[in-house]
Amino acid sequence: MKPELQLSLQFADRTHRALLPRHRVARWMRAALEAPAQIAVRIVGEAEGRTLNREWRGKDYATNVLSFPAEIP
């Protein structure tokens, strides 16, 4: 039985939407899960990636992946 997955897929730049259909991303996430999970994925351009990396990690360059732990009560 596949684990339950709640997926929020956000596109900052709508031009990438066709490249990453929600059903494909959900399949990849589900394959990586061993337990039910809630995941948010945001696809951003270079400028937003750089801003987020600078704000959260203090690194002034674009990066391809940022991840944040969730604190669920």
C-alpha atoms as a PDB file:
ATOM      1  CA  MET A   1       0.000   0.000   0.000  1.00  0.00           C
ATOM      2  CA  LYS A   2       1.379   3.435  -0.935  1.00  0.00           C
ATOM      3  CA  PRO A   3       1.825   5.970   1.882  1.00  0.00           C
ATOM      4  CA  GLU A   4      -0.510   8.968   1.928  1.00  0.00           C
ATOM      5  CA  LEU A   5       1.002  12.082   0.360  1.00  0.00           C
ATOM      6  CA  GLN A   6      -0.209  15.677   0.532  1.00  0.00           C
ATOM      7  CA  LEU A   7       1.792  17.609  -2.067  1.00  0.00           C
ATOM      8  CA  SER A   8       1.840  21.369  -2.609  1.00  0.00           C
ATOM      9  CA  LEU A   9       3.599  22.106  -5.908  1.00  0.00           C
ATOM     10  CA  GLN A  10       4.233  25.830  -6.434  1.00  0.00           C
ATOM     11  CA  PHE A  11       5.693  27.532  -9.485  1.00  0.00           C
ATOM     12  CA  ALA A  12       7.180  31.015  -9.074  1.00  0.00           C
ATOM     13  CA  ASP A  13       7.706  31.091 -12.854  1.00  0.00           C
ATOM     14  CA  ARG A  14       4.819  29.498 -14.769  1.00  0.00           C
ATOM     15  CA  THR A  15       7.058  28.658 -17.743  1.00  0.00           C
ATOM     16  CA  HIS A  16       8.323  25.603 -15.802  1.00  0.00           C
ATOM     17  CA  ARG A  17       4.837  24.193 -15.155  1.00  0.00           C
ATOM     18  CA  ALA A  18       4.771  22.115 -18.352  1.00  0.00           C
ATOM     19  CA  LEU A  19       8.196  20.618 -17.574  1.00  0.00           C
ATOM     20  CA  LEU A  20       7.164  19.323 -14.137  1.00  0.00           C
ATOM     21  CA  PRO A  21       3.560  18.120 -14.117  1.00  0.00           C
ATOM     22  CA  ARG A  22       2.141  17.613 -10.623  1.00  0.00           C
ATOM     23  CA  HIS A  23       1.431  13.896 -11.152  1.00  0.00           C
ATOM     24  CA  ARG A  24       5.078  13.235 -12.076  1.00  0.00           C
ATOM     25  CA  VAL A  25       6.456  15.107  -9.052  1.00  0.00           C
ATOM     26  CA  ALA A  26       3.967  13.309  -6.793  1.00  0.00           C
ATOM     27  CA  ARG A  27       5.161   9.955  -8.179  1.00  0.00           C
ATOM     28  CA  TRP A  28       8.802  10.863  -7.419  1.00  0.00           C
ATOM     29  CA  MET A  29       7.941  11.999  -3.882  1.00  0.00           C
ATOM     30  CA  ARG A  30       5.818   8.931  -3.162  1.00  0.00           C
ATOM     31  CA  ALA A  31       8.644   6.667  -4.319  1.00  0.00           C
ATOM     32  CA  ALA A  32      10.949   8.288  -1.747  1.00  0.00           C
ATOM     33  CA  LEU A  33       8.514   7.957   1.155  1.00  0.00           C
ATOM     34  CA  GLU A  34       8.346   5.201   3.710  1.00  0.00           C
ATOM     35  CA  ALA A  35       5.591   6.850   5.743  1.00  0.00           C
ATOM     36  CA  PRO A  36       2.770   9.330   5.156  1.00  0.00           C
ATOM     37  CA  ALA A  37       4.039  12.863   4.584  1.00  0.00           C
ATOM     38  CA  GLN A  38       3.159  16.399   3.637  1.00  0.00           C
ATOM     39  CA  ILE A  39       5.554  18.026   1.148  1.00  0.00           C
ATOM     40  CA  ALA A  40       5.669  21.476  -0.455  1.00  0.00           C
ATOM     41  CA  VAL A  41       7.789  21.952  -3.576  1.00  0.00           C
ATOM     42  CA  ARG A  42       8.386  25.439  -4.995  1.00  0.00           C
ATOM     43  CA  ILE A  43      10.055  25.836  -8.387  1.00  0.00           C
ATOM     44  CA  VAL A  44      11.818  29.213  -8.649  1.00  0.00           C
ATOM     45  CA  GLY A  45      14.055  31.070 -11.044  1.00  0.00           C
ATOM     46  CA  GLU A  46      17.688  31.972 -10.425  1.00  0.00           C
ATOM     47  CA  ALA A  47      16.937  35.359  -8.824  1.00  0.00           C
ATOM     48  CA  GLU A  48      14.524  33.957  -6.227  1.00  0.00           C
ATOM     49  CA  GLY A  49      16.808  30.984  -5.584  1.00  0.00           C
ATOM     50  CA  ARG A  50      19.677  33.374  -4.862  1.00  0.00           C
ATOM     51  CA  THR A  51      17.517  35.532  -2.585  1.00  0.00           C
ATOM     52  CA  LEU A  52      16.287  32.521  -0.596  1.00  0.00           C
ATOM     53  CA  ASN A  53      19.807  31.087  -0.283  1.00  0.00           C
ATOM     54  CA  ARG A  54      21.125  34.457   0.935  1.00  0.00           C
ATOM     55  CA  GLU A  55      18.281  34.939   3.445  1.00  0.00           C
ATOM     56  CA  TRP A  56      18.256  31.417   4.892  1.00  0.00           C
ATOM     57  CA  ARG A  57      21.858  30.241   4.533  1.00  0.00           C
ATOM     58  CA  GLY A  58      23.893  33.449   4.243  1.00  0.00           C
ATOM     59  CA  LYS A  59      25.238  32.297   0.838  1.00  0.00           C
ATOM     60  CA  ASP A  60      25.035  34.905  -1.942  1.00  0.00           C
ATOM     61  CA  TYR A  61      24.551  32.622  -4.954  1.00  0.00           C
ATOM     62  CA  ALA A  62      21.740  30.652  -6.560  1.00  0.00           C
ATOM     63  CA  THR A  63      21.379  27.033  -5.520  1.00  0.00           C
ATOM     64  CA  ASN A  64      19.402  24.175  -6.990  1.00  0.00           C
ATOM     65  CA  VAL A  65      17.847  22.817  -3.764  1.00  0.00           C
ATOM     66  CA  LEU A  66      16.878  24.300  -0.406  1.00  0.00           C
ATOM     67  CA  SER A  67      15.095  22.164   2.175  1.00  0.00           C
ATOM     68  CA  PHE A  68      13.568  23.100   5.505  1.00  0.00           C
ATOM     69  CA  PRO A  69      12.470  20.824   8.361  1.00  0.00           C
ATOM     70  CA  ALA A  70       8.856  21.064   9.472  1.00  0.00           C
ATOM     71  CA  GLU A  71       7.843  21.274  13.096  1.00  0.00           C
ATOM     72  CA  ILE A  72       4.440  19.635  13.345  1.00  0.00           C
ATOM     73  CA  PRO A  73       2.722  19.729  16.741  1.00  0.00           C
END
